[in-house]
N, C-alpha and C. Protein backbone atom coordinates (compact mmCIF):
# COMPACT_ATOMS: atom_id res chain seq x y z
N MET A 1 -15.98 -12.70 -5.46
CA MET A 1 -14.55 -11.69 -4.86
C MET A 1 -14.18 -12.73 -4.03
N GLU A 2 -12.84 -12.54 -3.38
CA GLU A 2 -12.24 -13.08 -2.59
C GLU A 2 -10.96 -11.79 -2.04
N ILE A 3 -10.64 -11.77 -1.19
CA ILE A 3 -9.46 -11.49 -0.84
C ILE A 3 -8.24 -12.48 -0.12
N VAL A 4 -7.35 -12.36 -0.63
CA VAL A 4 -5.93 -13.45 -0.41
C VAL A 4 -4.62 -13.10 -0.06
N SER A 5 -3.98 -12.82 0.42
CA SER A 5 -2.83 -13.02 0.85
C SER A 5 -2.01 -13.76 -0.35
N TYR A 6 -0.92 -12.91 -0.54
CA TYR A 6 0.42 -13.40 -1.96
C TYR A 6 0.37 -14.58 -1.33
N ALA A 7 1.57 -14.39 0.20
CA ALA A 7 1.87 -15.45 0.34
C ALA A 7 1.09 -17.05 0.43
N SER A 8 -0.20 -16.87 0.75
CA SER A 8 -1.48 -17.93 0.45
C SER A 8 -0.76 -19.04 -0.83
N LEU A 9 -0.41 -18.53 -2.01
CA LEU A 9 -0.37 -18.48 -3.26
C LEU A 9 0.58 -19.53 -3.41
N SER A 10 0.25 -20.42 -4.65
CA SER A 10 1.25 -21.33 -4.86
C SER A 10 2.12 -20.59 -6.00
N LYS A 11 3.41 -20.96 -6.00
CA LYS A 11 4.51 -20.20 -7.00
C LYS A 11 3.70 -20.20 -8.21
N ASP A 12 3.13 -20.76 -8.82
CA ASP A 12 2.63 -20.67 -10.59
C ASP A 12 1.34 -19.71 -10.29
N ILE A 13 0.73 -19.40 -9.64
CA ILE A 13 -0.77 -18.47 -9.57
C ILE A 13 -0.09 -17.22 -8.61
N GLN A 14 1.61 -17.54 -8.09
CA GLN A 14 2.15 -15.79 -7.56
C GLN A 14 2.48 -15.38 -9.35
N GLU A 15 3.24 -16.13 -9.89
CA GLU A 15 3.57 -15.30 -11.22
C GLU A 15 2.54 -14.59 -12.14
N LYS A 16 1.32 -15.88 -12.33
CA LYS A 16 0.29 -14.97 -12.79
C LYS A 16 0.02 -13.99 -12.43
N TYR A 17 -0.02 -13.94 -11.20
CA TYR A 17 -0.98 -12.55 -10.49
C TYR A 17 0.35 -11.29 -10.17
N LEU A 18 1.49 -11.64 -10.63
CA LEU A 18 2.90 -10.67 -10.43
C LEU A 18 2.24 -9.62 -11.76
N GLU A 19 2.12 -10.37 -13.17
CA GLU A 19 1.74 -9.23 -14.16
C GLU A 19 0.33 -8.77 -13.61
N GLU A 20 -0.51 -8.92 -13.20
CA GLU A 20 -1.76 -8.18 -12.79
C GLU A 20 -1.37 -7.31 -12.23
N ILE A 21 -0.72 -7.82 -11.51
CA ILE A 21 0.02 -6.28 -10.21
C ILE A 21 0.66 -5.40 -10.91
N LYS A 22 1.51 -5.99 -11.67
CA LYS A 22 2.21 -5.16 -11.97
C LYS A 22 2.09 -3.80 -13.51
N GLU A 23 0.33 -4.45 -13.74
CA GLU A 23 -0.12 -3.88 -14.92
C GLU A 23 -1.27 -2.80 -13.94
N ILE A 24 -1.75 -3.49 -12.66
CA ILE A 24 -1.87 -1.87 -11.95
C ILE A 24 -1.21 -0.94 -11.54
N PHE A 25 -0.46 -1.58 -11.23
CA PHE A 25 1.07 -0.52 -10.72
C PHE A 25 1.48 0.55 -11.27
N TYR A 26 1.42 0.15 -12.95
CA TYR A 26 2.02 1.19 -14.00
C TYR A 26 0.42 2.09 -14.42
N THR A 27 -0.33 1.34 -14.38
CA THR A 27 -1.53 2.18 -14.98
C THR A 27 -1.82 3.13 -13.77
N CYS A 28 -1.66 2.91 -12.75
CA CYS A 28 -1.90 4.28 -11.46
C CYS A 28 -0.78 4.67 -11.29
N SER A 29 0.00 4.48 -11.18
CA SER A 29 1.56 5.40 -11.43
C SER A 29 1.32 6.79 -12.02
N SER A 30 1.72 7.75 -11.63
CA SER A 30 2.01 9.30 -12.19
C SER A 30 3.22 9.17 -13.16
N ILE A 31 4.40 8.15 -13.16
CA ILE A 31 5.45 8.02 -13.99
C ILE A 31 4.92 7.31 -14.98
N LYS A 32 5.04 7.68 -15.79
CA LYS A 32 4.99 6.47 -17.30
C LYS A 32 5.98 6.54 -18.16
N VAL A 33 7.05 6.90 -17.96
CA VAL A 33 7.95 6.49 -18.73
C VAL A 33 9.13 6.42 -18.46
N PHE A 34 9.84 5.59 -18.68
CA PHE A 34 11.01 5.32 -18.41
C PHE A 34 12.23 5.15 -19.09
N LYS A 35 13.61 5.41 -18.03
CA LYS A 35 14.78 5.35 -19.43
C LYS A 35 15.16 4.10 -20.21
N ASP A 36 14.74 2.76 -19.34
CA ASP A 36 14.88 1.55 -19.83
C ASP A 36 13.95 0.67 -18.90
N ASP A 37 14.13 -0.26 -19.56
CA ASP A 37 13.15 -1.66 -18.82
C ASP A 37 14.05 -1.63 -17.52
N ASN A 38 15.32 -1.76 -17.25
CA ASN A 38 15.67 -2.02 -15.95
C ASN A 38 15.70 -0.96 -14.76
N HIS A 39 14.99 0.65 -15.54
CA HIS A 39 14.55 1.48 -14.70
C HIS A 39 13.48 1.10 -14.25
N LYS A 40 12.35 0.92 -15.29
CA LYS A 40 11.15 0.39 -14.96
C LYS A 40 10.67 -0.42 -13.76
N GLU A 41 11.50 -1.77 -13.89
CA GLU A 41 11.37 -2.74 -12.80
C GLU A 41 11.85 -2.12 -11.52
N SER A 42 13.20 -1.20 -11.92
CA SER A 42 14.16 -0.94 -10.37
C SER A 42 12.73 -0.24 -9.32
N PHE A 43 11.74 0.58 -10.30
CA PHE A 43 11.11 1.24 -9.69
C PHE A 43 9.54 0.73 -9.30
N PHE A 44 9.12 -0.35 -10.28
CA PHE A 44 8.12 -1.62 -9.19
C PHE A 44 8.39 -1.93 -8.26
N ASN A 45 10.08 -2.31 -8.52
CA ASN A 45 10.49 -2.81 -6.85
C ASN A 45 10.48 -1.82 -5.47
N LYS A 46 11.04 -1.09 -6.43
CA LYS A 46 11.22 0.00 -4.91
C LYS A 46 9.48 0.56 -4.15
N TRP A 47 8.59 0.22 -5.01
CA TRP A 47 7.17 0.54 -4.45
C TRP A 47 6.23 -0.40 -4.41
N CYS A 48 6.51 -1.23 -4.70
CA CYS A 48 5.99 -2.69 -5.24
C CYS A 48 6.15 -4.05 -4.71
N GLY A 49 7.19 -4.19 -5.33
CA GLY A 49 8.04 -5.21 -5.48
C GLY A 49 8.66 -5.88 -3.85
N ASP A 50 9.17 -5.10 -3.71
CA ASP A 50 10.14 -5.24 -2.08
C ASP A 50 8.88 -5.67 -1.10
N TYR A 51 7.67 -5.47 -1.31
CA TYR A 51 6.48 -5.49 0.08
C TYR A 51 6.70 -7.36 -0.81
N LEU A 52 6.32 -7.58 -1.77
CA LEU A 52 6.14 -8.97 -1.65
C LEU A 52 7.46 -9.99 -1.51
N LYS A 53 8.36 -9.47 -1.38
CA LYS A 53 9.52 -10.03 -0.99
C LYS A 53 9.83 -10.14 0.56
N PHE A 54 9.91 -8.99 1.03
CA PHE A 54 9.72 -8.35 2.39
C PHE A 54 8.63 -9.04 3.52
N SER A 55 7.50 -8.87 3.03
CA SER A 55 6.08 -8.69 3.85
C SER A 55 4.82 -9.52 2.89
N PRO A 56 5.10 -10.67 2.52
CA PRO A 56 4.21 -10.98 1.39
C PRO A 56 2.96 -11.35 2.07
N ASP A 57 3.01 -11.81 3.52
CA ASP A 57 2.13 -12.44 4.10
C ASP A 57 0.85 -10.93 4.34
N TYR A 58 1.11 -9.90 4.17
CA TYR A 58 0.39 -8.90 4.01
C TYR A 58 0.29 -7.77 2.88
N PHE A 59 0.66 -8.96 1.83
CA PHE A 59 0.22 -8.24 0.26
C PHE A 59 -1.10 -8.77 0.05
N TYR A 60 -2.04 -7.83 0.19
CA TYR A 60 -3.00 -8.97 -0.12
C TYR A 60 -3.99 -8.97 -1.60
N LEU A 61 -4.47 -9.35 -2.74
CA LEU A 61 -4.82 -9.46 -3.89
C LEU A 61 -6.47 -9.30 -3.54
N TYR A 62 -7.18 -8.30 -4.54
CA TYR A 62 -9.22 -8.38 -4.46
C TYR A 62 -8.71 -9.23 -5.61
N LEU A 63 -9.39 -10.05 -5.62
CA LEU A 63 -9.60 -11.25 -6.67
C LEU A 63 -11.15 -11.15 -7.12
N ILE A 64 -11.42 -11.22 -8.42
CA ILE A 64 -13.07 -10.68 -8.74
C ILE A 64 -12.30 -11.80 -10.10
N GLU A 65 -13.33 -12.68 -10.13
CA GLU A 65 -13.08 -13.96 -11.15
C GLU A 65 -11.76 -14.36 -11.32
N LYS A 66 -11.16 -14.17 -10.02
CA LYS A 66 -9.92 -15.10 -10.03
C LYS A 66 -8.97 -14.43 -10.92
N LYS A 67 -8.88 -12.63 -11.17
CA LYS A 67 -8.34 -11.69 -11.75
C LYS A 67 -8.33 -10.83 -10.93
N VAL A 68 -7.01 -10.29 -10.53
CA VAL A 68 -6.91 -9.02 -9.52
C VAL A 68 -7.15 -7.71 -9.74
N ALA A 69 -8.23 -7.22 -8.87
CA ALA A 69 -8.90 -6.06 -9.43
C ALA A 69 -8.30 -5.16 -8.36
N GLY A 70 -7.22 -5.22 -7.73
CA GLY A 70 -6.36 -4.43 -6.84
C GLY A 70 -5.97 -5.12 -5.78
N TYR A 71 -4.65 -4.54 -5.47
CA TYR A 71 -4.15 -4.68 -4.04
C TYR A 71 -3.59 -4.07 -3.00
N LEU A 72 -3.38 -4.41 -2.22
CA LEU A 72 -2.91 -3.39 -0.91
C LEU A 72 -1.37 -4.26 -0.45
N SER A 73 -0.44 -3.21 -0.15
CA SER A 73 0.92 -3.98 0.07
C SER A 73 1.30 -3.35 1.54
N GLY A 74 1.15 -4.15 2.65
CA GLY A 74 1.26 -3.51 4.01
C GLY A 74 2.61 -4.11 4.69
N HIS A 75 2.82 -3.43 5.89
CA HIS A 75 3.94 -3.64 6.37
C HIS A 75 3.44 -3.56 7.95
N MET A 76 3.65 -3.99 8.93
CA MET A 76 3.04 -3.75 10.26
C MET A 76 4.02 -3.55 11.22
N ASN A 77 5.72 -3.38 10.94
CA ASN A 77 6.49 -2.47 11.41
C ASN A 77 7.24 -1.15 10.31
N SER A 78 6.56 -0.19 10.69
CA SER A 78 7.87 1.01 10.06
C SER A 78 8.68 1.22 9.97
N VAL A 79 9.35 0.80 11.24
CA VAL A 79 10.50 1.26 11.57
C VAL A 79 11.34 0.33 11.05
N LYS A 80 10.60 -1.26 10.84
CA LYS A 80 11.61 -2.19 10.39
C LYS A 80 11.75 -1.85 8.99
N ALA A 81 10.88 -1.64 8.25
CA ALA A 81 10.57 -1.56 6.99
C ALA A 81 11.71 -1.12 6.73
N LEU A 82 11.66 0.68 7.32
CA LEU A 82 13.17 1.70 6.71
C LEU A 82 14.35 0.66 6.66
N GLU A 83 14.71 -0.45 7.22
CA GLU A 83 15.58 -1.08 7.36
C GLU A 83 15.48 -1.78 5.60
N ASN A 84 14.55 -2.27 5.24
CA ASN A 84 14.53 -2.64 4.16
C ASN A 84 13.99 -2.46 3.08
N PHE A 85 13.30 -1.39 3.00
CA PHE A 85 12.92 -0.58 1.75
C PHE A 85 13.36 0.66 1.60
N ILE A 86 13.54 1.25 0.50
CA ILE A 86 14.17 2.16 0.08
C ILE A 86 13.39 3.35 -0.63
N ILE A 87 12.37 3.65 0.22
CA ILE A 87 10.91 3.80 -0.49
C ILE A 87 11.47 5.96 -0.13
N PRO A 88 11.83 6.80 -0.75
CA PRO A 88 12.13 8.16 -0.11
C PRO A 88 10.60 8.92 0.59
N GLY A 89 11.25 9.20 1.79
CA GLY A 89 9.73 10.58 2.55
C GLY A 89 9.26 9.85 4.07
N PRO A 90 9.52 8.06 3.85
CA PRO A 90 8.55 8.02 5.29
C PRO A 90 10.02 8.00 6.83
N GLU A 91 10.92 8.15 5.96
CA GLU A 91 11.78 8.52 7.40
C GLU A 91 11.41 10.17 8.09
N LEU A 92 11.00 11.13 7.57
CA LEU A 92 10.48 12.18 7.81
C LEU A 92 9.31 12.07 8.52
N PHE A 93 8.51 11.29 9.09
CA PHE A 93 7.60 10.60 9.79
C PHE A 93 8.01 9.90 10.76
N LYS A 94 9.30 9.37 11.07
CA LYS A 94 9.57 8.62 12.01
C LYS A 94 8.74 8.66 13.06
N ASP A 95 8.72 10.01 13.65
CA ASP A 95 8.44 10.46 15.34
C ASP A 95 6.54 10.01 15.30
N CYS A 96 6.19 9.61 13.79
CA CYS A 96 4.30 9.26 13.90
C CYS A 96 4.25 7.34 14.12
N PHE A 97 5.63 6.83 14.35
CA PHE A 97 5.33 5.47 13.75
C PHE A 97 5.69 4.26 14.98
N GLU A 98 5.73 5.39 16.59
CA GLU A 98 4.86 4.57 17.57
C GLU A 98 3.81 4.59 17.82
N LYS A 99 2.86 5.49 17.26
CA LYS A 99 1.28 5.52 17.59
C LYS A 99 0.86 4.70 16.44
N PHE A 100 1.12 5.01 15.08
CA PHE A 100 0.94 4.35 14.25
C PHE A 100 1.91 3.39 13.57
N PRO A 101 2.08 2.34 14.18
CA PRO A 101 3.49 1.67 13.49
C PRO A 101 3.14 1.20 12.21
N ALA A 102 2.47 0.21 12.12
CA ALA A 102 2.00 -0.52 10.39
C ALA A 102 1.90 0.87 9.16
N HIS A 103 1.47 0.32 8.26
CA HIS A 103 1.22 1.25 6.94
C HIS A 103 1.18 0.53 5.26
N PHE A 104 0.42 1.01 4.72
CA PHE A 104 0.46 0.22 3.55
C PHE A 104 0.55 0.89 2.56
N HIS A 105 0.12 0.78 1.32
CA HIS A 105 0.19 1.25 0.18
C HIS A 105 -1.13 0.47 -0.88
N ILE A 106 -1.86 0.91 -1.72
CA ILE A 106 -2.82 0.50 -2.21
C ILE A 106 -3.11 0.58 -3.87
N ASN A 107 -3.76 0.07 -4.58
CA ASN A 107 -4.17 0.23 -6.02
C ASN A 107 -5.01 -0.53 -6.33
N CYS A 108 -6.06 0.21 -7.35
CA CYS A 108 -6.98 -0.70 -7.54
C CYS A 108 -7.04 -0.48 -9.30
N SER A 109 -7.30 -1.20 -9.90
CA SER A 109 -7.50 -1.05 -11.44
C SER A 109 -8.32 -0.40 -11.64
N PRO A 110 -7.85 0.52 -12.83
CA PRO A 110 -9.42 1.90 -13.08
C PRO A 110 -10.35 1.70 -13.32
N HIS A 111 -10.88 0.35 -13.86
CA HIS A 111 -11.93 -0.40 -14.31
C HIS A 111 -12.93 -0.75 -12.66
N HIS A 112 -11.66 -0.66 -11.68
CA HIS A 112 -12.46 -1.03 -10.46
C HIS A 112 -12.60 -0.06 -9.34
N GLN A 113 -12.39 0.84 -9.67
CA GLN A 113 -12.12 2.13 -8.86
C GLN A 113 -13.72 2.70 -8.81
N GLY A 114 -14.03 2.94 -7.36
CA GLY A 114 -14.86 3.60 -6.93
C GLY A 114 -16.24 2.49 -6.41
N LYS A 115 -16.19 1.51 -6.48
CA LYS A 115 -16.39 0.15 -6.26
C LYS A 115 -16.58 -0.68 -5.16
N GLY A 116 -15.88 -0.28 -4.35
CA GLY A 116 -15.51 -0.33 -2.78
C GLY A 116 -14.30 -1.86 -2.82
N VAL A 117 -13.63 -1.64 -4.02
CA VAL A 117 -12.15 -2.22 -3.63
C VAL A 117 -11.58 -1.90 -2.61
N GLY A 118 -11.16 -0.71 -3.31
CA GLY A 118 -10.14 -0.15 -1.87
C GLY A 118 -10.41 -0.45 -0.27
N ARG A 119 -11.99 0.33 -0.18
CA ARG A 119 -12.27 -0.05 0.98
C ARG A 119 -12.60 -1.32 1.67
N LYS A 120 -13.02 -2.43 0.62
CA LYS A 120 -13.07 -3.71 1.37
C LYS A 120 -11.74 -4.23 1.70
N LEU A 121 -10.31 -3.79 1.13
CA LEU A 121 -8.97 -4.39 1.15
C LEU A 121 -8.34 -3.30 2.09
N VAL A 122 -8.58 -2.43 2.20
CA VAL A 122 -8.04 -1.36 3.78
C VAL A 122 -8.96 -2.41 4.90
N GLU A 123 -10.79 -2.38 5.05
CA GLU A 123 -11.24 -3.11 6.05
C GLU A 123 -10.09 -4.39 6.61
N HIS A 124 -10.05 -5.02 5.31
CA HIS A 124 -9.38 -6.67 5.53
C HIS A 124 -7.91 -6.33 6.20
N TYR A 125 -7.19 -5.39 6.12
CA TYR A 125 -5.80 -4.91 6.51
C TYR A 125 -6.29 -4.61 8.08
N LEU A 126 -6.92 -3.55 8.36
CA LEU A 126 -7.49 -3.72 9.41
C LEU A 126 -7.68 -4.10 10.77
N HIS A 127 -8.33 -5.22 10.27
CA HIS A 127 -8.76 -6.66 10.52
C HIS A 127 -8.18 -7.58 10.99
N GLU A 128 -6.69 -8.03 10.11
CA GLU A 128 -5.86 -8.63 10.19
C GLU A 128 -4.58 -7.72 11.44
N LEU A 129 -4.55 -6.37 11.14
CA LEU A 129 -3.68 -5.79 12.29
C LEU A 129 -4.42 -5.97 13.67
N ASN A 130 -5.33 -5.99 13.76
CA ASN A 130 -6.76 -5.64 14.76
C ASN A 130 -5.90 -7.07 15.80
N CYS A 131 -6.16 -7.95 14.87
CA CYS A 131 -6.04 -9.76 15.41
C CYS A 131 -4.31 -9.81 15.94
N SER A 132 -3.77 -8.89 15.16
CA SER A 132 -1.78 -9.10 15.55
C SER A 132 -1.97 -8.08 16.92
N ARG A 133 -2.71 -7.61 17.23
CA ARG A 133 -2.59 -6.56 18.45
C ARG A 133 -1.64 -5.48 17.92
N ILE A 134 -1.56 -4.67 16.65
CA ILE A 134 -1.20 -3.21 15.87
C ILE A 134 -2.27 -2.88 16.44
N ASP A 135 -1.85 -1.26 17.30
CA ASP A 135 -2.41 -0.30 17.77
C ASP A 135 -3.07 0.74 16.46
N GLY A 136 -2.09 1.25 15.63
CA GLY A 136 -2.24 2.27 14.66
C GLY A 136 -1.77 1.97 13.68
N VAL A 137 -2.22 2.21 12.41
CA VAL A 137 -2.03 2.45 11.27
C VAL A 137 -1.89 3.80 10.69
N HIS A 138 -1.10 3.79 9.24
CA HIS A 138 -0.37 5.13 8.87
C HIS A 138 -0.55 4.66 7.14
N LEU A 139 -0.46 5.83 6.49
CA LEU A 139 -0.38 5.87 4.93
C LEU A 139 0.15 7.53 4.47
N ILE A 140 1.29 7.42 3.83
CA ILE A 140 1.64 8.21 3.35
C ILE A 140 1.50 8.67 2.00
N THR A 141 0.65 9.92 1.74
CA THR A 141 0.65 10.49 0.62
C THR A 141 1.02 11.87 -0.04
N SER A 142 0.65 13.06 -0.58
CA SER A 142 0.69 14.00 -0.68
C SER A 142 -0.26 14.98 -0.19
N THR A 143 -0.67 16.33 -0.02
CA THR A 143 -1.25 16.85 0.65
C THR A 143 -2.65 17.68 -0.51
N ASP A 144 -1.81 17.10 -1.81
CA ASP A 144 -2.79 18.05 -2.96
C ASP A 144 -3.28 16.42 -3.43
N ALA A 145 -3.41 15.06 -3.33
CA ALA A 145 -3.51 14.07 -3.74
C ALA A 145 -5.13 13.85 -3.87
N ASP A 146 -5.62 13.43 -4.77
CA ASP A 146 -7.52 12.96 -4.86
C ASP A 146 -7.70 12.14 -4.13
N ASN A 147 -6.79 11.37 -3.60
CA ASN A 147 -7.28 10.25 -2.45
C ASN A 147 -7.77 10.43 -0.93
N LEU A 148 -7.86 11.60 -0.97
CA LEU A 148 -7.68 12.02 0.66
C LEU A 148 -8.96 12.28 1.35
N GLY A 149 -9.79 12.66 0.44
CA GLY A 149 -11.35 12.07 1.33
C GLY A 149 -11.89 10.15 0.81
N PHE A 150 -11.37 9.58 0.60
CA PHE A 150 -11.12 8.18 0.52
C PHE A 150 -10.81 7.70 2.16
N TYR A 151 -9.64 8.51 2.38
CA TYR A 151 -8.77 7.36 3.42
C TYR A 151 -9.29 8.82 4.77
N ARG A 152 -10.04 9.70 4.40
CA ARG A 152 -10.80 10.31 5.29
C ARG A 152 -12.33 9.69 6.07
N ALA A 153 -12.72 9.13 4.78
CA ALA A 153 -13.72 8.42 5.08
C ALA A 153 -13.76 6.83 5.64
N LEU A 154 -12.48 6.89 5.72
CA LEU A 154 -12.27 5.51 6.58
C LEU A 154 -11.55 5.42 7.63
N GLY A 155 -11.84 6.91 8.36
CA GLY A 155 -11.27 6.93 9.69
C GLY A 155 -10.10 7.59 9.78
N PHE A 156 -9.21 7.45 8.84
CA PHE A 156 -7.37 8.30 8.53
C PHE A 156 -7.70 9.49 9.19
N GLU A 157 -8.02 10.25 10.67
CA GLU A 157 -8.10 11.71 10.12
C GLU A 157 -6.98 11.96 11.22
N HIS A 158 -6.02 11.47 11.39
CA HIS A 158 -4.61 12.19 12.07
C HIS A 158 -3.71 12.63 11.21
N GLU A 159 -3.59 13.27 10.84
CA GLU A 159 -3.24 14.31 9.59
C GLU A 159 -1.86 15.05 10.09
N VAL A 160 -0.56 14.23 9.45
CA VAL A 160 0.68 15.35 9.47
C VAL A 160 1.43 15.91 8.30
N PRO A 161 1.23 16.58 7.91
CA PRO A 161 2.31 17.47 6.50
C PRO A 161 3.07 17.43 6.80
N ARG A 162 4.32 17.20 6.31
CA ARG A 162 5.65 17.87 5.84
C ARG A 162 6.44 18.25 4.84
N PRO A 163 6.93 18.94 5.03
CA PRO A 163 7.50 19.11 3.41
C PRO A 163 8.92 18.28 2.85
N PHE A 164 8.88 18.11 1.61
CA PHE A 164 9.73 16.91 0.92
C PHE A 164 9.71 17.24 -0.69
N LYS A 165 11.20 17.50 -0.76
CA LYS A 165 11.64 18.55 -1.79
C LYS A 165 11.04 19.77 -2.27
N SER A 166 10.17 19.37 -3.41
CA SER A 166 9.42 20.30 -3.89
C SER A 166 7.82 20.70 -4.15
N HIS A 167 7.48 19.58 -2.96
CA HIS A 167 5.80 19.49 -2.66
C HIS A 167 5.52 18.92 -0.98
N GLU A 168 4.79 18.92 -0.70
CA GLU A 168 4.02 18.69 0.70
C GLU A 168 3.71 16.93 0.41
N LEU A 169 4.71 16.38 1.98
CA LEU A 169 3.84 15.08 2.07
C LEU A 169 2.72 15.32 3.20
N LEU A 170 2.21 14.15 3.28
CA LEU A 170 0.77 14.35 4.45
C LEU A 170 1.01 12.98 4.99
N LEU A 171 1.21 12.17 5.94
CA LEU A 171 0.51 11.22 7.04
C LEU A 171 -0.69 11.41 7.60
N MET A 172 -0.83 10.17 7.14
CA MET A 172 -2.50 9.94 7.30
C MET A 172 -2.83 9.12 8.21
N GLY A 173 -3.18 8.83 9.63
CA GLY A 173 -2.85 7.62 10.86
C GLY A 173 -4.25 7.71 11.08
N ARG A 174 -4.21 6.42 11.56
CA ARG A 174 -5.80 5.71 12.33
C ARG A 174 -5.56 4.96 13.66
N ALA A 175 -6.15 4.82 14.62
CA ALA A 175 -5.91 3.67 15.38
C ALA A 175 -7.14 3.06 14.95
N ILE A 176 -6.26 1.63 15.68
CA ILE A 176 -7.20 0.33 15.24
C ILE A 176 -7.54 -0.13 16.93
N SER A 177 -9.05 0.13 16.70
CA SER A 177 -9.94 -1.10 18.09
C SER A 177 -10.41 -2.21 17.44
N ALA A 178 -10.77 -2.61 18.41
CA ALA A 178 -11.53 -4.30 18.46
C ALA A 178 -13.11 -3.85 17.81
């Protein structure tokens, strides 16, 4: 097992792992049917691919026997990320970004869920943020998501719900300390 930054890999290894990242992304996505391949690729880029483009140093892969078991895509400055990413919802929480400036998204292969992959990815990211003197981190999910217990167990105890379209989004934040 190892955790590596996508940016640290050679281009040919990045291309190999990109296919595995996409497989995990689409498997974990709540949307399964797309109008066409262009819409499918656009959806991937919006929620995952733009992190490879704009924040590759903070895109981490959890590798088991040189296969991607999970990934974490992060950004150290959520205000700056709003300039580059077209993701609906985060702008609702701009007032929380001073206290929790960094954010992330995470997905694990269903075969590796419940085995500590996600926890180790988050802990690795928290360590990197701490080394960079970032004071807080957040994620945004929905208030009815199945993953709330996972994040609470990792110390994401600051919760801010906000209405968004026909449901409610939830910012979960935590301070980072040495």
